[in-house]
Amino acid sequence: MPEQIQRSIQTTNLADILERVLDKGIVIAGDIKIQIADIDLLTIKIRLLIASVDKAKEIGINWWEQDSYLSAKAKDAEIEKENKELRDRIDNLEKKLDEY
Protein backbone atom coordinates (compact mmCIF):
# COMPACT_ATOMS: atom_id res chain seq x y z
CA MET A 1 0.00 0.00 0.00
CA PRO A 2 2.73 2.58 0.76
CA GLU A 3 4.14 2.00 -2.74
CA GLN A 4 0.82 3.08 -4.35
CA ILE A 5 0.71 6.27 -2.29
CA GLN A 6 4.28 7.15 -3.24
CA ARG A 7 3.60 6.67 -6.97
CA SER A 8 0.49 8.84 -6.75
CA ILE A 9 2.45 11.65 -5.12
CA GLN A 10 5.20 11.41 -7.77
CA THR A 11 2.64 11.59 -10.58
CA THR A 12 1.07 14.67 -9.08
CA ASN A 13 4.47 16.32 -8.75
CA LEU A 14 5.34 15.50 -12.35
CA ALA A 15 1.98 16.90 -13.52
CA ASP A 16 2.56 20.08 -11.48
CA ILE A 17 6.03 20.49 -12.95
CA LEU A 18 4.74 19.98 -16.49
CA GLU A 19 1.93 22.49 -15.91
CA ARG A 20 4.40 25.09 -14.61
CA VAL A 21 6.79 24.57 -17.52
CA LEU A 22 4.02 24.90 -20.09
CA ASP A 23 2.54 27.92 -18.31
CA LYS A 24 5.81 29.81 -17.88
CA GLY A 25 7.80 28.33 -20.78
CA ILE A 26 11.38 27.21 -20.82
CA VAL A 27 14.15 27.98 -23.31
CA ILE A 28 17.11 25.72 -23.98
CA ALA A 29 19.84 27.21 -26.15
CA GLY A 30 23.19 26.00 -27.34
CA ASP A 31 25.74 26.37 -30.10
CA ILE A 32 27.88 23.72 -31.73
CA LYS A 33 30.95 24.99 -33.54
CA ILE A 34 33.51 22.96 -35.47
CA GLN A 35 36.83 24.69 -36.10
CA ILE A 36 40.19 23.73 -37.50
CA ALA A 37 43.08 26.13 -36.98
CA ASP A 38 40.75 29.00 -36.03
CA ILE A 39 38.68 28.53 -39.19
CA ASP A 40 34.98 27.93 -38.65
CA LEU A 41 33.86 24.93 -40.66
CA LEU A 42 30.40 24.49 -39.24
CA THR A 43 28.22 26.35 -36.75
CA ILE A 44 24.90 25.00 -35.58
CA LYS A 45 22.66 27.11 -33.35
CA ILE A 46 20.09 25.16 -31.41
CA ARG A 47 17.14 26.90 -29.78
CA LEU A 48 14.31 25.02 -28.13
CA LEU A 49 11.24 26.59 -26.56
CA ILE A 50 8.83 24.47 -24.57
CA ALA A 51 5.57 26.23 -23.76
CA SER A 52 1.82 25.93 -24.14
CA VAL A 53 0.18 27.26 -27.30
CA ASP A 54 -1.39 30.10 -25.30
CA LYS A 55 1.97 31.10 -23.82
CA ALA A 56 3.66 30.91 -27.24
CA LYS A 57 1.00 33.19 -28.75
CA GLU A 58 1.35 35.55 -25.78
CA ILE A 59 5.07 36.01 -26.52
CA GLY A 60 4.47 36.39 -30.26
CA ILE A 61 5.25 32.92 -31.58
CA ASN A 62 2.60 31.53 -33.92
CA TRP A 63 4.47 30.11 -36.91
CA TRP A 64 2.12 27.11 -37.13
CA GLU A 65 -0.71 29.44 -38.14
CA GLN A 66 1.15 30.43 -41.34
CA ASP A 67 2.39 26.91 -42.17
CA SER A 68 0.22 25.51 -44.96
CA TYR A 69 0.85 21.94 -43.78
CA LEU A 70 -0.52 22.69 -40.31
CA SER A 71 -3.23 25.27 -40.97
CA ALA A 72 -6.17 25.06 -43.36
CA LYS A 73 -6.43 28.86 -43.26
CA ALA A 74 -2.81 29.22 -44.39
CA LYS A 75 -3.32 26.59 -47.10
CA ASP A 76 -6.35 28.49 -48.43
CA ALA A 77 -4.35 31.73 -48.47
CA GLU A 78 -1.54 30.00 -50.35
CA ILE A 79 -3.96 28.61 -52.94
CA GLU A 80 -5.63 32.02 -53.36
CA LYS A 81 -2.23 33.65 -53.89
CA GLU A 82 -1.30 31.06 -56.51
CA ASN A 83 -4.67 31.52 -58.25
CA LYS A 84 -4.16 35.29 -58.40
CA GLU A 85 -0.69 34.85 -59.88
CA LEU A 86 -2.09 32.47 -62.51
CA ARG A 87 -4.94 34.85 -63.35
CA ASP A 88 -2.42 37.68 -63.78
CA ARG A 89 -0.31 35.53 -66.10
CA ILE A 90 -3.37 34.61 -68.16
CA ASP A 91 -4.37 38.29 -68.41
CA ASN A 92 -0.87 39.19 -69.61
CA LEU A 93 -0.92 36.42 -72.21
CA GLU A 94 -4.35 37.51 -73.45
CA LYS A 95 -3.15 41.10 -73.79
CA LYS A 96 -0.16 39.92 -75.84
CA LEU A 97 -2.48 37.88 -78.08
CA ASP A 98 -4.73 40.91 -78.59
CA GLU A 99 -1.70 42.95 -79.71
CA TYR A 100 -1.04 40.53 -82.59
PDB file of N, CA and C in Angstrom:
ATOM      1  N   MET A   1       0.817  -1.214   0.000  1.00  0.00           N
ATOM      2  CA  MET A   1       0.000   0.000   0.000  1.00  0.00           C
ATOM      3  C   MET A   1       0.855   1.271   0.000  1.00  0.00           C
ATOM      4  N   PRO A   2       1.920   1.365   0.785  1.00  0.00           N
ATOM      5  CA  PRO A   2       2.732   2.584   0.761  1.00  0.00           C
ATOM      6  C   PRO A   2       3.317   2.864  -0.620  1.00  0.00           C
ATOM      7  N   GLU A   3       3.590   1.812  -1.403  1.00  0.00           N
ATOM      8  CA  GLU A   3       4.139   1.998  -2.736  1.00  0.00           C
ATOM      9  C   GLU A   3       3.138   2.736  -3.636  1.00  0.00           C
ATOM     10  N   GLN A   4       1.852   2.423  -3.547  1.00  0.00           N
ATOM     11  CA  GLN A   4       0.824   3.083  -4.348  1.00  0.00           C
ATOM     12  C   GLN A   4       0.719   4.564  -3.979  1.00  0.00           C
ATOM     13  N   ILE A   5       0.789   4.878  -2.732  1.00  0.00           N
ATOM     14  CA  ILE A   5       0.709   6.272  -2.286  1.00  0.00           C
ATOM     15  C   ILE A   5       1.903   7.053  -2.818  1.00  0.00           C
ATOM     16  N   GLN A   6       3.076   6.475  -2.766  1.00  0.00           N
ATOM     17  CA  GLN A   6       4.282   7.148  -3.242  1.00  0.00           C
ATOM     18  C   GLN A   6       4.189   7.419  -4.749  1.00  0.00           C
ATOM     19  N   ARG A   7       3.737   6.469  -5.526  1.00  0.00           N
ATOM     20  CA  ARG A   7       3.598   6.671  -6.971  1.00  0.00           C
ATOM     21  C   ARG A   7       2.586   7.773  -7.267  1.00  0.00           C
ATOM     22  N   SER A   8       1.507   7.819  -6.543  1.00  0.00           N
ATOM     23  CA  SER A   8       0.486   8.837  -6.748  1.00  0.00           C
ATOM     24  C   SER A   8       1.056  10.225  -6.491  1.00  0.00           C
ATOM     25  N   ILE A   9       1.834  10.362  -5.451  1.00  0.00           N
ATOM     26  CA  ILE A   9       2.454  11.648  -5.120  1.00  0.00           C
ATOM     27  C   ILE A   9       3.440  12.044  -6.207  1.00  0.00           C
ATOM     28  N   GLN A  10       4.240  11.109  -6.722  1.00  0.00           N
ATOM     29  CA  GLN A  10       5.196  11.407  -7.772  1.00  0.00           C
ATOM     30  C   GLN A  10       4.486  11.850  -9.053  1.00  0.00           C
ATOM     31  N   THR A  11       3.393  11.213  -9.385  1.00  0.00           N
ATOM     32  CA  THR A  11       2.638  11.587 -10.578  1.00  0.00           C
ATOM     33  C   THR A  11       2.094  13.001 -10.447  1.00  0.00           C
ATOM     34  N   THR A  12       1.578  13.324  -9.302  1.00  0.00           N
ATOM     35  CA  THR A  12       1.071  14.669  -9.076  1.00  0.00           C
ATOM     36  C   THR A  12       2.193  15.689  -9.203  1.00  0.00           C
ATOM     37  N   ASN A  13       3.345  15.392  -8.653  1.00  0.00           N
ATOM     38  CA  ASN A  13       4.468  16.320  -8.753  1.00  0.00           C
ATOM     39  C   ASN A  13       4.916  16.496 -10.199  1.00  0.00           C
ATOM     40  N   LEU A  14       4.959  15.418 -10.947  1.00  0.00           N
ATOM     41  CA  LEU A  14       5.335  15.503 -12.352  1.00  0.00           C
ATOM     42  C   LEU A  14       4.311  16.329 -13.126  1.00  0.00           C
ATOM     43  N   ALA A  15       3.035  16.127 -12.861  1.00  0.00           N
ATOM     44  CA  ALA A  15       1.981  16.902 -13.524  1.00  0.00           C
ATOM     45  C   ALA A  15       2.099  18.381 -13.163  1.00  0.00           C
ATOM     46  N   ASP A  16       2.391  18.680 -11.904  1.00  0.00           N
ATOM     47  CA  ASP A  16       2.562  20.079 -11.481  1.00  0.00           C
ATOM     48  C   ASP A  16       3.752  20.714 -12.198  1.00  0.00           C
ATOM     49  N   ILE A  17       4.838  19.973 -12.285  1.00  0.00           N
ATOM     50  CA  ILE A  17       6.029  20.494 -12.946  1.00  0.00           C
ATOM     51  C   ILE A  17       5.738  20.753 -14.423  1.00  0.00           C
ATOM     52  N   LEU A  18       5.083  19.815 -15.078  1.00  0.00           N
ATOM     53  CA  LEU A  18       4.740  19.981 -16.489  1.00  0.00           C
ATOM     54  C   LEU A  18       3.819  21.184 -16.689  1.00  0.00           C
ATOM     55  N   GLU A  19       2.841  21.343 -15.813  1.00  0.00           N
ATOM     56  CA  GLU A  19       1.930  22.487 -15.906  1.00  0.00           C
ATOM     57  C   GLU A  19       2.689  23.803 -15.747  1.00  0.00           C
ATOM     58  N   ARG A  20       3.614  23.859 -14.818  1.00  0.00           N
ATOM     59  CA  ARG A  20       4.400  25.089 -14.611  1.00  0.00           C
ATOM     60  C   ARG A  20       5.268  25.398 -15.817  1.00  0.00           C
ATOM     61  N   VAL A  21       5.920  24.358 -16.359  1.00  0.00           N
ATOM     62  CA  VAL A  21       6.787  24.571 -17.517  1.00  0.00           C
ATOM     63  C   VAL A  21       5.979  25.082 -18.700  1.00  0.00           C
ATOM     64  N   LEU A  22       4.829  24.464 -18.962  1.00  0.00           N
ATOM     65  CA  LEU A  22       4.016  24.900 -20.090  1.00  0.00           C
ATOM     66  C   LEU A  22       3.431  26.287 -19.863  1.00  0.00           C
ATOM     67  N   ASP A  23       3.116  26.610 -18.619  1.00  0.00           N
ATOM     68  CA  ASP A  23       2.539  27.917 -18.307  1.00  0.00           C
ATOM     69  C   ASP A  23       3.584  29.016 -18.420  1.00  0.00           C
ATOM     70  N   LYS A  24       4.756  28.795 -17.882  1.00  0.00           N
ATOM     71  CA  LYS A  24       5.810  29.812 -17.880  1.00  0.00           C
ATOM     72  C   LYS A  24       6.671  29.741 -19.131  1.00  0.00           C
ATOM     73  N   GLY A  25       6.914  28.521 -19.633  1.00  0.00           N
ATOM     74  CA  GLY A  25       7.798  28.325 -20.779  1.00  0.00           C
ATOM     75  C   GLY A  25       9.217  28.115 -20.311  1.00  0.00           C
ATOM     76  N   ILE A  26       9.974  27.429 -21.118  1.00  0.00           N
ATOM     77  CA  ILE A  26      11.385  27.206 -20.823  1.00  0.00           C
ATOM     78  C   ILE A  26      12.152  27.258 -22.132  1.00  0.00           C
ATOM     79  N   VAL A  27      13.320  27.859 -22.112  1.00  0.00           N
ATOM     80  CA  VAL A  27      14.149  27.978 -23.308  1.00  0.00           C
ATOM     81  C   VAL A  27      15.456  27.239 -23.058  1.00  0.00           C
ATOM     82  N   ILE A  28      15.823  26.415 -24.027  1.00  0.00           N
ATOM     83  CA  ILE A  28      17.106  25.720 -23.979  1.00  0.00           C
ATOM     84  C   ILE A  28      17.869  26.172 -25.216  1.00  0.00           C
ATOM     85  N   ALA A  29      19.063  26.684 -25.028  1.00  0.00           N
ATOM     86  CA  ALA A  29      19.837  27.211 -26.147  1.00  0.00           C
ATOM     87  C   ALA A  29      21.257  26.673 -26.102  1.00  0.00           C
ATOM     88  N   GLY A  30      21.817  26.465 -27.273  1.00  0.00           N
ATOM     89  CA  GLY A  30      23.194  26.003 -27.336  1.00  0.00           C
ATOM     90  C   GLY A  30      23.749  26.176 -28.730  1.00  0.00           C
ATOM     91  N   ASP A  31      25.058  26.235 -28.819  1.00  0.00           N
ATOM     92  CA  ASP A  31      25.740  26.368 -30.100  1.00  0.00           C
ATOM     93  C   ASP A  31      26.763  25.250 -30.228  1.00  0.00           C
ATOM     94  N   ILE A  32      26.868  24.717 -31.423  1.00  0.00           N
ATOM     95  CA  ILE A  32      27.884  23.723 -31.726  1.00  0.00           C
ATOM     96  C   ILE A  32      28.754  24.332 -32.814  1.00  0.00           C
ATOM     97  N   LYS A  33      30.050  24.383 -32.575  1.00  0.00           N
ATOM     98  CA  LYS A  33      30.947  24.992 -33.541  1.00  0.00           C
ATOM     99  C   LYS A  33      32.103  24.035 -33.800  1.00  0.00           C
ATOM    100  N   ILE A  34      32.385  23.804 -35.084  1.00  0.00           N
ATOM    101  CA  ILE A  34      33.507  22.961 -35.469  1.00  0.00           C
ATOM    102  C   ILE A  34      34.535  23.863 -36.143  1.00  0.00           C
ATOM    103  N   GLN A  35      35.765  23.841 -35.587  1.00  0.00           N
ATOM    104  CA  GLN A  35      36.832  24.688 -36.096  1.00  0.00           C
ATOM    105  C   GLN A  35      38.091  23.853 -36.321  1.00  0.00           C
ATOM    106  N   ILE A  36      38.844  24.264 -37.307  1.00  0.00           N
ATOM    107  CA  ILE A  36      40.188  23.728 -37.505  1.00  0.00           C
ATOM    108  C   ILE A  36      41.096  24.923 -37.726  1.00  0.00           C
ATOM    109  N   ALA A  37      42.109  25.039 -36.879  1.00  0.00           N
ATOM    110  CA  ALA A  37      43.084  26.132 -36.979  1.00  0.00           C
ATOM    111  C   ALA A  37      42.394  27.493 -37.049  1.00  0.00           C
ATOM    112  N   ASP A  38      41.485  27.735 -36.139  1.00  0.00           N
ATOM    113  CA  ASP A  38      40.751  29.001 -36.033  1.00  0.00           C
ATOM    114  C   ASP A  38      39.907  29.340 -37.259  1.00  0.00           C
ATOM    115  N   ILE A  39      39.564  28.326 -38.046  1.00  0.00           N
ATOM    116  CA  ILE A  39      38.680  28.526 -39.195  1.00  0.00           C
ATOM    117  C   ILE A  39      37.378  27.792 -38.896  1.00  0.00           C
ATOM    118  N   ASP A  40      36.285  28.550 -38.907  1.00  0.00           N
ATOM    119  CA  ASP A  40      34.983  27.934 -38.647  1.00  0.00           C
ATOM    120  C   ASP A  40      34.560  27.094 -39.847  1.00  0.00           C
ATOM    121  N   LEU A  41      34.337  25.822 -39.611  1.00  0.00           N
ATOM    122  CA  LEU A  41      33.864  24.934 -40.662  1.00  0.00           C
ATOM    123  C   LEU A  41      32.356  24.763 -40.614  1.00  0.00           C
ATOM    124  N   LEU A  42      31.828  24.722 -39.400  1.00  0.00           N
ATOM    125  CA  LEU A  42      30.399  24.486 -39.235  1.00  0.00           C
ATOM    126  C   LEU A  42      29.944  25.098 -37.917  1.00  0.00           C
ATOM    127  N   THR A  43      28.833  25.823 -37.962  1.00  0.00           N
ATOM    128  CA  THR A  43      28.222  26.352 -36.749  1.00  0.00           C
ATOM    129  C   THR A  43      26.748  25.992 -36.775  1.00  0.00           C
ATOM    130  N   ILE A  44      26.300  25.367 -35.706  1.00  0.00           N
ATOM    131  CA  ILE A  44      24.896  25.000 -35.576  1.00  0.00           C
ATOM    132  C   ILE A  44      24.352  25.670 -34.331  1.00  0.00           C
ATOM    133  N   LYS A  45      23.305  26.464 -34.494  1.00  0.00           N
ATOM    134  CA  LYS A  45      22.662  27.113 -33.354  1.00  0.00           C
ATOM    135  C   LYS A  45      21.382  26.354 -33.049  1.00  0.00           C
ATOM    136  N   ILE A  46      21.258  25.924 -31.824  1.00  0.00           N
ATOM    137  CA  ILE A  46      20.095  25.161 -31.405  1.00  0.00           C
ATOM    138  C   ILE A  46      19.311  25.980 -30.396  1.00  0.00           C
ATOM    139  N   ARG A  47      18.036  26.184 -30.687  1.00  0.00           N
ATOM    140  CA  ARG A  47      17.141  26.902 -29.784  1.00  0.00           C
ATOM    141  C   ARG A  47      15.884  26.070 -29.620  1.00  0.00           C
ATOM    142  N   LEU A  48      15.488  25.828 -28.402  1.00  0.00           N
ATOM    143  CA  LEU A  48      14.306  25.021 -28.129  1.00  0.00           C
ATOM    144  C   LEU A  48      13.452  25.759 -27.115  1.00  0.00           C
ATOM    145  N   LEU A  49      12.191  25.955 -27.461  1.00  0.00           N
ATOM    146  CA  LEU A  49      11.237  26.593 -26.558  1.00  0.00           C
ATOM    147  C   LEU A  49      10.143  25.591 -26.253  1.00  0.00           C
ATOM    148  N   ILE A  50       9.908  25.352 -24.999  1.00  0.00           N
ATOM    149  CA  ILE A  50       8.829  24.474 -24.571  1.00  0.00           C
ATOM    150  C   ILE A  50       7.825  25.339 -23.828  1.00  0.00           C
ATOM    151  N   ALA A  51       6.609  25.406 -24.378  1.00  0.00           N
ATOM    152  CA  ALA A  51       5.570  26.231 -23.757  1.00  0.00           C
ATOM    153  C   ALA A  51       4.214  25.790 -24.301  1.00  0.00           C
ATOM    154  N   SER A  52       3.164  26.211 -23.639  1.00  0.00           N
ATOM    155  CA  SER A  52       1.816  25.933 -24.135  1.00  0.00           C
ATOM    156  C   SER A  52       1.541  26.821 -25.353  1.00  0.00           C
ATOM    157  N   VAL A  53       0.552  26.465 -26.133  1.00  0.00           N
ATOM    158  CA  VAL A  53       0.175  27.257 -27.296  1.00  0.00           C
ATOM    159  C   VAL A  53      -0.215  28.672 -26.865  1.00  0.00           C
ATOM    160  N   ASP A  54      -0.967  28.784 -25.780  1.00  0.00           N
ATOM    161  CA  ASP A  54      -1.387  30.102 -25.296  1.00  0.00           C
ATOM    162  C   ASP A  54      -0.183  30.957 -24.920  1.00  0.00           C
ATOM    163  N   LYS A  55       0.775  30.365 -24.229  1.00  0.00           N
ATOM    164  CA  LYS A  55       1.972  31.103 -23.820  1.00  0.00           C
ATOM    165  C   LYS A  55       2.792  31.508 -25.046  1.00  0.00           C
ATOM    166  N   ALA A  56       2.915  30.597 -26.012  1.00  0.00           N
ATOM    167  CA  ALA A  56       3.659  30.908 -27.235  1.00  0.00           C
ATOM    168  C   ALA A  56       3.021  32.090 -27.960  1.00  0.00           C
ATOM    169  N   LYS A  57       1.690  32.075 -28.099  1.00  0.00           N
ATOM    170  CA  LYS A  57       1.003  33.195 -28.748  1.00  0.00           C
ATOM    171  C   LYS A  57       1.200  34.485 -27.964  1.00  0.00           C
ATOM    172  N   GLU A  58       1.182  34.372 -26.641  1.00  0.00           N
ATOM    173  CA  GLU A  58       1.354  35.553 -25.785  1.00  0.00           C
ATOM    174  C   GLU A  58       2.701  36.218 -26.019  1.00  0.00           C
ATOM    175  N   ILE A  59       3.741  35.428 -26.298  1.00  0.00           N
ATOM    176  CA  ILE A  59       5.071  36.008 -26.521  1.00  0.00           C
ATOM    177  C   ILE A  59       5.362  36.233 -28.004  1.00  0.00           C
ATOM    178  N   GLY A  60       4.333  36.041 -28.851  1.00  0.00           N
ATOM    179  CA  GLY A  60       4.465  36.390 -30.261  1.00  0.00           C
ATOM    180  C   GLY A  60       4.939  35.274 -31.174  1.00  0.00           C
ATOM    181  N   ILE A  61       4.847  34.046 -30.742  1.00  0.00           N
ATOM    182  CA  ILE A  61       5.252  32.917 -31.584  1.00  0.00           C
ATOM    183  C   ILE A  61       3.993  32.205 -32.060  1.00  0.00           C
ATOM    184  N   ASN A  62       3.785  32.207 -33.365  1.00  0.00           N
ATOM    185  CA  ASN A  62       2.603  31.534 -33.924  1.00  0.00           C
ATOM    186  C   ASN A  62       2.876  31.034 -35.335  1.00  0.00           C
ATOM    187  N   TRP A  63       4.070  30.543 -35.577  1.00  0.00           N
ATOM    188  CA  TRP A  63       4.474  30.108 -36.913  1.00  0.00           C
ATOM    189  C   TRP A  63       3.567  29.018 -37.480  1.00  0.00           C
ATOM    190  N   TRP A  64       2.974  28.204 -36.644  1.00  0.00           N
ATOM    191  CA  TRP A  64       2.125  27.107 -37.131  1.00  0.00           C
ATOM    192  C   TRP A  64       0.856  27.630 -37.810  1.00  0.00           C
ATOM    193  N   GLU A  65       0.472  28.867 -37.514  1.00  0.00           N
ATOM    194  CA  GLU A  65      -0.713  29.437 -38.142  1.00  0.00           C
ATOM    195  C   GLU A  65      -0.456  29.830 -39.594  1.00  0.00           C
ATOM    196  N   GLN A  66       0.805  30.063 -39.967  1.00  0.00           N
ATOM    197  CA  GLN A  66       1.149  30.425 -41.338  1.00  0.00           C
ATOM    198  C   GLN A  66       1.684  29.235 -42.133  1.00  0.00           C
ATOM    199  N   ASP A  67       1.871  28.101 -41.500  1.00  0.00           N
ATOM    200  CA  ASP A  67       2.388  26.906 -42.170  1.00  0.00           C
ATOM    201  C   ASP A  67       1.242  26.188 -42.874  1.00  0.00           C
ATOM    202  N   SER A  68       1.326  26.082 -44.190  1.00  0.00           N
ATOM    203  CA  SER A  68       0.215  25.511 -44.957  1.00  0.00           C
ATOM    204  C   SER A  68       0.020  24.020 -44.685  1.00  0.00           C
ATOM    205  N   TYR A  69       1.011  23.356 -44.119  1.00  0.00           N
ATOM    206  CA  TYR A  69       0.853  21.943 -43.779  1.00  0.00           C
ATOM    207  C   TYR A  69       0.122  21.759 -42.452  1.00  0.00           C
ATOM    208  N   LEU A  70       0.097  22.796 -41.632  1.00  0.00           N
ATOM    209  CA  LEU A  70      -0.517  22.692 -40.308  1.00  0.00           C
ATOM    210  C   LEU A  70      -1.808  23.483 -40.171  1.00  0.00           C
ATOM    211  N   SER A  71      -2.075  24.394 -41.091  1.00  0.00           N
ATOM    212  CA  SER A  71      -3.232  25.275 -40.965  1.00  0.00           C
ATOM    213  C   SER A  71      -4.026  25.323 -42.263  1.00  0.00           C
ATOM    214  N   ALA A  72      -5.305  24.993 -42.189  1.00  0.00           N
ATOM    215  CA  ALA A  72      -6.170  25.062 -43.364  1.00  0.00           C
ATOM    216  C   ALA A  72      -6.295  26.501 -43.845  1.00  0.00           C
ATOM    217  N   LYS A  73      -6.322  27.442 -42.911  1.00  0.00           N
ATOM    218  CA  LYS A  73      -6.432  28.863 -43.262  1.00  0.00           C
ATOM    219  C   LYS A  73      -5.217  29.302 -44.086  1.00  0.00           C
ATOM    220  N   ALA A  74      -4.026  28.871 -43.663  1.00  0.00           N
ATOM    221  CA  ALA A  74      -2.808  29.222 -44.390  1.00  0.00           C
ATOM    222  C   ALA A  74      -2.788  28.550 -45.759  1.00  0.00           C
ATOM    223  N   LYS A  75      -3.266  27.307 -45.830  1.00  0.00           N
ATOM    224  CA  LYS A  75      -3.325  26.589 -47.100  1.00  0.00           C
ATOM    225  C   LYS A  75      -4.251  27.314 -48.074  1.00  0.00           C
ATOM    226  N   ASP A  76      -5.411  27.752 -47.581  1.00  0.00           N
ATOM    227  CA  ASP A  76      -6.351  28.492 -48.427  1.00  0.00           C
ATOM    228  C   ASP A  76      -5.733  29.787 -48.935  1.00  0.00           C
ATOM    229  N   ALA A  77      -5.000  30.484 -48.074  1.00  0.00           N
ATOM    230  CA  ALA A  77      -4.345  31.731 -48.467  1.00  0.00           C
ATOM    231  C   ALA A  77      -3.281  31.458 -49.527  1.00  0.00           C
ATOM    232  N   GLU A  78      -2.564  30.361 -49.376  1.00  0.00           N
ATOM    233  CA  GLU A  78      -1.538  30.003 -50.352  1.00  0.00           C
ATOM    234  C   GLU A  78      -2.166  29.676 -51.707  1.00  0.00           C
ATOM    235  N   ILE A  79      -3.265  28.955 -51.696  1.00  0.00           N
ATOM    236  CA  ILE A  79      -3.963  28.610 -52.937  1.00  0.00           C
ATOM    237  C   ILE A  79      -4.518  29.869 -53.602  1.00  0.00           C
ATOM    238  N   GLU A  80      -5.085  30.769 -52.817  1.00  0.00           N
ATOM    239  CA  GLU A  80      -5.629  32.021 -53.358  1.00  0.00           C
ATOM    240  C   GLU A  80      -4.527  32.866 -53.989  1.00  0.00           C
ATOM    241  N   LYS A  81      -3.360  32.897 -53.353  1.00  0.00           N
ATOM    242  CA  LYS A  81      -2.226  33.651 -53.895  1.00  0.00           C
ATOM    243  C   LYS A  81      -1.780  33.040 -55.225  1.00  0.00           C
ATOM    244  N   GLU A  82      -1.689  31.731 -55.274  1.00  0.00           N
ATOM    245  CA  GLU A  82      -1.297  31.057 -56.505  1.00  0.00           C
ATOM    246  C   GLU A  82      -2.324  31.300 -57.611  1.00  0.00           C
ATOM    247  N   ASN A  83      -3.611  31.249 -57.262  1.00  0.00           N
ATOM    248  CA  ASN A  83      -4.671  31.519 -58.247  1.00  0.00           C
ATOM    249  C   ASN A  83      -4.566  32.934 -58.806  1.00  0.00           C
ATOM    250  N   LYS A  84      -4.294  33.900 -57.944  1.00  0.00           N
ATOM    251  CA  LYS A  84      -4.163  35.291 -58.398  1.00  0.00           C
ATOM    252  C   LYS A  84      -2.980  35.427 -59.354  1.00  0.00           C
ATOM    253  N   GLU A  85      -1.861  34.794 -59.010  1.00  0.00           N
ATOM    254  CA  GLU A  85      -0.689  34.854 -59.884  1.00  0.00           C
ATOM    255  C   GLU A  85      -0.999  34.231 -61.242  1.00  0.00           C
ATOM    256  N   LEU A  86      -1.716  33.112 -61.245  1.00  0.00           N
ATOM    257  CA  LEU A  86      -2.085  32.467 -62.506  1.00  0.00           C
ATOM    258  C   LEU A  86      -3.043  33.325 -63.325  1.00  0.00           C
ATOM    259  N   ARG A  87      -4.015  33.956 -62.651  1.00  0.00           N
ATOM    260  CA  ARG A  87      -4.939  34.851 -63.346  1.00  0.00           C
ATOM    261  C   ARG A  87      -4.197  36.021 -63.989  1.00  0.00           C
ATOM    262  N   ASP A  88      -3.225  36.570 -63.248  1.00  0.00           N
ATOM    263  CA  ASP A  88      -2.422  37.679 -63.776  1.00  0.00           C
ATOM    264  C   ASP A  88      -1.632  37.238 -65.009  1.00  0.00           C
ATOM    265  N   ARG A  89      -1.062  36.049 -64.950  1.00  0.00           N
ATOM    266  CA  ARG A  89      -0.312  35.532 -66.096  1.00  0.00           C
ATOM    267  C   ARG A  89      -1.228  35.334 -67.310  1.00  0.00           C
ATOM    268  N   ILE A  90      -2.414  34.803 -67.070  1.00  0.00           N
ATOM    269  CA  ILE A  90      -3.374  34.610 -68.162  1.00  0.00           C
ATOM    270  C   ILE A  90      -3.767  35.952 -68.768  1.00  0.00           C
ATOM    271  N   ASP A  91      -4.020  36.947 -67.922  1.00  0.00           N
ATOM    272  CA  ASP A  91      -4.368  38.291 -68.414  1.00  0.00           C
ATOM    273  C   ASP A  91      -3.242  38.857 -69.285  1.00  0.00           C
ATOM    274  N   ASN A  92      -2.011  38.694 -68.829  1.00  0.00           N
ATOM    275  CA  ASN A  92      -0.868  39.190 -69.605  1.00  0.00           C
ATOM    276  C   ASN A  92      -0.761  38.482 -70.954  1.00  0.00           C
ATOM    277  N   LEU A  93      -0.964  37.170 -70.959  1.00  0.00           N
ATOM    278  CA  LEU A  93      -0.920  36.423 -72.210  1.00  0.00           C
ATOM    279  C   LEU A  93      -2.045  36.845 -73.154  1.00  0.00           C
ATOM    280  N   GLU A  94      -3.229  37.061 -72.629  1.00  0.00           N
ATOM    281  CA  GLU A  94      -4.354  37.506 -73.455  1.00  0.00           C
ATOM    282  C   GLU A  94      -4.093  38.882 -74.046  1.00  0.00           C
ATOM    283  N   LYS A  95      -3.473  39.755 -73.275  1.00  0.00           N
ATOM    284  CA  LYS A  95      -3.145  41.100 -73.786  1.00  0.00           C
ATOM    285  C   LYS A  95      -2.140  40.997 -74.934  1.00  0.00           C
ATOM    286  N   LYS A  96      -1.153  40.086 -74.780  1.00  0.00           N
ATOM    287  CA  LYS A  96      -0.159  39.921 -75.838  1.00  0.00           C
ATOM    288  C   LYS A  96      -0.813  39.360 -77.096  1.00  0.00           C
ATOM    289  N   LEU A  97      -1.772  38.437 -76.929  1.00  0.00           N
ATOM    290  CA  LEU A  97      -2.484  37.883 -78.081  1.00  0.00           C
ATOM    291  C   LEU A  97      -3.304  38.952 -78.793  1.00  0.00           C
ATOM    292  N   ASP A  98      -3.915  39.832 -78.010  1.00  0.00           N
ATOM    293  CA  ASP A  98      -4.726  40.911 -78.589  1.00  0.00           C
ATOM    294  C   ASP A  98      -3.866  41.890 -79.390  1.00  0.00           C
ATOM    295  N   GLU A  99      -2.606  42.041 -79.017  1.00  0.00           N
ATOM    296  CA  GLU A  99      -1.704  42.949 -79.715  1.00  0.00           C
ATOM    297  C   GLU A  99      -1.348  42.424 -81.103  1.00  0.00           C
ATOM    298  N   TYR A 100      -1.388  41.108 -81.292  1.00  0.00           N
ATOM    299  CA  TYR A 100      -1.043  40.530 -82.590  1.00  0.00           C
ATOM    300  C   TYR A 100      -2.183  40.590 -83.484  1.00  0.00           C
TER     301      TYR A 100
END
